[in-house]
Amino acid sequence: MYYNTGKYIETLEYKNKISISVTAVYLTLEWGYIVVRYRK
């Protein structure tokens, strides 16, 4: 039971890290796109 809870929390943190990094990449790409558009 305790072990399962630990694994569950680990999985949640892992998914959280993935979504955070995906969001960061997405925002970076979006900002890059905006900057490029306004420079032209």
PDB file of N, CA and C in Angstrom:
ATOM      1  N   MET A   1       0.841  -1.200   0.000  1.00  0.00           N
ATOM      2  CA  MET A   1       0.000   0.000   0.000  1.00  0.00           C
ATOM      3  C   MET A   1       0.878   1.253   0.000  1.00  0.00           C
ATOM      4  N   TYR A   2       1.779   1.311   0.954  1.00  0.00           N
ATOM      5  CA  TYR A   2       2.652   2.486   1.049  1.00  0.00           C
ATOM      6  C   TYR A   2       3.523   2.595  -0.203  1.00  0.00           C
ATOM      7  N   TYR A   3       4.009   1.438  -0.660  1.00  0.00           N
ATOM      8  CA  TYR A   3       4.853   1.401  -1.861  1.00  0.00           C
ATOM      9  C   TYR A   3       4.074   1.908  -3.073  1.00  0.00           C
ATOM     10  N   ASN A   4       2.826   1.462  -3.190  1.00  0.00           N
ATOM     11  CA  ASN A   4       1.987   1.887  -4.311  1.00  0.00           C
ATOM     12  C   ASN A   4       1.772   3.395  -4.291  1.00  0.00           C
ATOM     13  N   THR A   5       1.558   3.943  -3.092  1.00  0.00           N
ATOM     14  CA  THR A   5       1.353   5.387  -2.976  1.00  0.00           C
ATOM     15  C   THR A   5       2.594   6.123  -3.456  1.00  0.00           C
ATOM     16  N   GLY A   6       3.759   5.623  -3.065  1.00  0.00           N
ATOM     17  CA  GLY A   6       5.014   6.241  -3.492  1.00  0.00           C
ATOM     18  C   GLY A   6       5.163   6.204  -4.999  1.00  0.00           C
ATOM     19  N   LYS A   7       4.846   5.058  -5.596  1.00  0.00           N
ATOM     20  CA  LYS A   7       4.937   4.920  -7.046  1.00  0.00           C
ATOM     21  C   LYS A   7       3.959   5.874  -7.726  1.00  0.00           C
ATOM     22  N   TYR A   8       2.762   5.999  -7.153  1.00  0.00           N
ATOM     23  CA  TYR A   8       1.728   6.863  -7.717  1.00  0.00           C
ATOM     24  C   TYR A   8       2.194   8.318  -7.719  1.00  0.00           C
ATOM     25  N   ILE A   9       2.760   8.747  -6.587  1.00  0.00           N
ATOM     26  CA  ILE A   9       3.251  10.124  -6.473  1.00  0.00           C
ATOM     27  C   ILE A   9       4.396  10.344  -7.465  1.00  0.00           C
ATOM     28  N   GLU A  10       5.279   9.340  -7.588  1.00  0.00           N
ATOM     29  CA  GLU A  10       6.395   9.438  -8.534  1.00  0.00           C
ATOM     30  C   GLU A  10       5.871   9.619  -9.949  1.00  0.00           C
ATOM     31  N   THR A  11       4.860   8.830 -10.295  1.00  0.00           N
ATOM     32  CA  THR A  11       4.275   8.907 -11.636  1.00  0.00           C
ATOM     33  C   THR A  11       3.659  10.278 -11.871  1.00  0.00           C
ATOM     34  N   LEU A  12       2.961  10.797 -10.864  1.00  0.00           N
ATOM     35  CA  LEU A  12       2.344  12.119 -10.989  1.00  0.00           C
ATOM     36  C   LEU A  12       3.411  13.175 -11.217  1.00  0.00           C
ATOM     37  N   GLU A  13       4.488  13.129 -10.429  1.00  0.00           N
ATOM     38  CA  GLU A  13       5.561  14.109 -10.569  1.00  0.00           C
ATOM     39  C   GLU A  13       6.193  14.008 -11.946  1.00  0.00           C
ATOM     40  N   TYR A  14       6.364  12.768 -12.422  1.00  0.00           N
ATOM     41  CA  TYR A  14       6.969  12.540 -13.737  1.00  0.00           C
ATOM     42  C   TYR A  14       6.103  13.154 -14.836  1.00  0.00           C
ATOM     43  N   LYS A  15       4.798  12.899 -14.776  1.00  0.00           N
ATOM     44  CA  LYS A  15       3.875  13.459 -15.768  1.00  0.00           C
ATOM     45  C   LYS A  15       3.862  14.978 -15.674  1.00  0.00           C
ATOM     46  N   ASN A  16       3.934  15.492 -14.443  1.00  0.00           N
ATOM     47  CA  ASN A  16       3.942  16.928 -14.223  1.00  0.00           C
ATOM     48  C   ASN A  16       5.156  17.560 -14.889  1.00  0.00           C
ATOM     49  N   LYS A  17       6.325  16.930 -14.699  1.00  0.00           N
ATOM     50  CA  LYS A  17       7.554  17.461 -15.298  1.00  0.00           C
ATOM     51  C   LYS A  17       7.442  17.477 -16.808  1.00  0.00           C
ATOM     52  N   ILE A  18       6.863  16.417 -17.374  1.00  0.00           N
ATOM     53  CA  ILE A  18       6.712  16.335 -18.830  1.00  0.00           C
ATOM     54  C   ILE A  18       5.811  17.464 -19.320  1.00  0.00           C
ATOM     55  N   SER A  19       4.672  17.654 -18.665  1.00  0.00           N
ATOM     56  CA  SER A  19       3.736  18.685 -19.124  1.00  0.00           C
ATOM     57  C   SER A  19       4.340  20.073 -18.956  1.00  0.00           C
ATOM     58  N   ILE A  20       5.124  20.274 -17.886  1.00  0.00           N
ATOM     59  CA  ILE A  20       5.761  21.575 -17.675  1.00  0.00           C
ATOM     60  C   ILE A  20       6.771  21.850 -18.785  1.00  0.00           C
ATOM     61  N   SER A  21       7.589  20.833 -19.123  1.00  0.00           N
ATOM     62  CA  SER A  21       8.596  21.049 -20.163  1.00  0.00           C
ATOM     63  C   SER A  21       7.937  21.235 -21.523  1.00  0.00           C
ATOM     64  N   VAL A  22       6.844  20.505 -21.780  1.00  0.00           N
ATOM     65  CA  VAL A  22       6.127  20.666 -23.047  1.00  0.00           C
ATOM     66  C   VAL A  22       5.558  22.074 -23.140  1.00  0.00           C
ATOM     67  N   THR A  23       4.992  22.554 -22.034  1.00  0.00           N
ATOM     68  CA  THR A  23       4.434  23.905 -22.011  1.00  0.00           C
ATOM     69  C   THR A  23       5.530  24.937 -22.247  1.00  0.00           C
ATOM     70  N   ALA A  24       6.692  24.736 -21.613  1.00  0.00           N
ATOM     71  CA  ALA A  24       7.811  25.666 -21.771  1.00  0.00           C
ATOM     72  C   ALA A  24       8.265  25.717 -23.227  1.00  0.00           C
ATOM     73  N   VAL A  25       8.385  24.544 -23.843  1.00  0.00           N
ATOM     74  CA  VAL A  25       8.803  24.484 -25.252  1.00  0.00           C
ATOM     75  C   VAL A  25       7.766  25.178 -26.127  1.00  0.00           C
ATOM     76  N   TYR A  26       6.503  24.920 -25.861  1.00  0.00           N
ATOM     77  CA  TYR A  26       5.424  25.513 -26.648  1.00  0.00           C
ATOM     78  C   TYR A  26       5.450  27.036 -26.545  1.00  0.00           C
ATOM     79  N   LEU A  27       5.602  27.543 -25.317  1.00  0.00           N
ATOM     80  CA  LEU A  27       5.638  28.990 -25.121  1.00  0.00           C
ATOM     81  C   LEU A  27       6.845  29.599 -25.814  1.00  0.00           C
ATOM     82  N   THR A  28       7.993  28.923 -25.730  1.00  0.00           N
ATOM     83  CA  THR A  28       9.206  29.422 -26.381  1.00  0.00           C
ATOM     84  C   THR A  28       8.995  29.520 -27.885  1.00  0.00           C
ATOM     85  N   LEU A  29       8.409  28.465 -28.466  1.00  0.00           N
ATOM     86  CA  LEU A  29       8.151  28.464 -29.909  1.00  0.00           C
ATOM     87  C   LEU A  29       7.182  29.580 -30.278  1.00  0.00           C
ATOM     88  N   GLU A  30       6.155  29.743 -29.463  1.00  0.00           N
ATOM     89  CA  GLU A  30       5.147  30.763 -29.736  1.00  0.00           C
ATOM     90  C   GLU A  30       5.777  32.152 -29.696  1.00  0.00           C
ATOM     91  N   TRP A  31       6.596  32.414 -28.668  1.00  0.00           N
ATOM     92  CA  TRP A  31       7.246  33.723 -28.562  1.00  0.00           C
ATOM     93  C   TRP A  31       8.198  33.950 -29.724  1.00  0.00           C
ATOM     94  N   GLY A  32       8.941  32.890 -30.100  1.00  0.00           N
ATOM     95  CA  GLY A  32       9.854  33.004 -31.234  1.00  0.00           C
ATOM     96  C   GLY A  32       9.085  33.359 -32.498  1.00  0.00           C
ATOM     97  N   TYR A  33       7.947  32.728 -32.683  1.00  0.00           N
ATOM     98  CA  TYR A  33       7.104  32.975 -33.855  1.00  0.00           C
ATOM     99  C   TYR A  33       6.617  34.424 -33.876  1.00  0.00           C
ATOM    100  N   ILE A  34       6.173  34.910 -32.717  1.00  0.00           N
ATOM    101  CA  ILE A  34       5.680  36.291 -32.610  1.00  0.00           C
ATOM    102  C   ILE A  34       6.806  37.276 -32.917  1.00  0.00           C
ATOM    103  N   VAL A  35       7.978  37.047 -32.337  1.00  0.00           N
ATOM    104  CA  VAL A  35       9.123  37.943 -32.550  1.00  0.00           C
ATOM    105  C   VAL A  35       9.494  37.986 -34.025  1.00  0.00           C
ATOM    106  N   VAL A  36       9.545  36.814 -34.661  1.00  0.00           N
ATOM    107  CA  VAL A  36       9.899  36.748 -36.084  1.00  0.00           C
ATOM    108  C   VAL A  36       8.863  37.484 -36.925  1.00  0.00           C
ATOM    109  N   ARG A  37       7.601  37.321 -36.581  1.00  0.00           N
ATOM    110  CA  ARG A  37       6.539  37.974 -37.353  1.00  0.00           C
ATOM    111  C   ARG A  37       6.630  39.488 -37.253  1.00  0.00           C
ATOM    112  N   TYR A  38       6.899  39.996 -36.055  1.00  0.00           N
ATOM    113  CA  TYR A  38       6.920  41.449 -35.881  1.00  0.00           C
ATOM    114  C   TYR A  38       8.206  42.080 -36.397  1.00  0.00           C
ATOM    115  N   ARG A  39       9.251  41.280 -36.581  1.00  0.00           N
ATOM    116  CA  ARG A  39      10.499  41.842 -37.098  1.00  0.00           C
ATOM    117  C   ARG A  39      10.396  42.129 -38.588  1.00  0.00           C
ATOM    118  N   LYS A  40       9.612  41.325 -39.297  1.00  0.00           N
ATOM    119  CA  LYS A  40       9.524  41.487 -40.752  1.00  0.00           C
ATOM    120  C   LYS A  40       8.758  42.743 -41.125  1.00  0.00           C
TER     121      LYS A  40
END
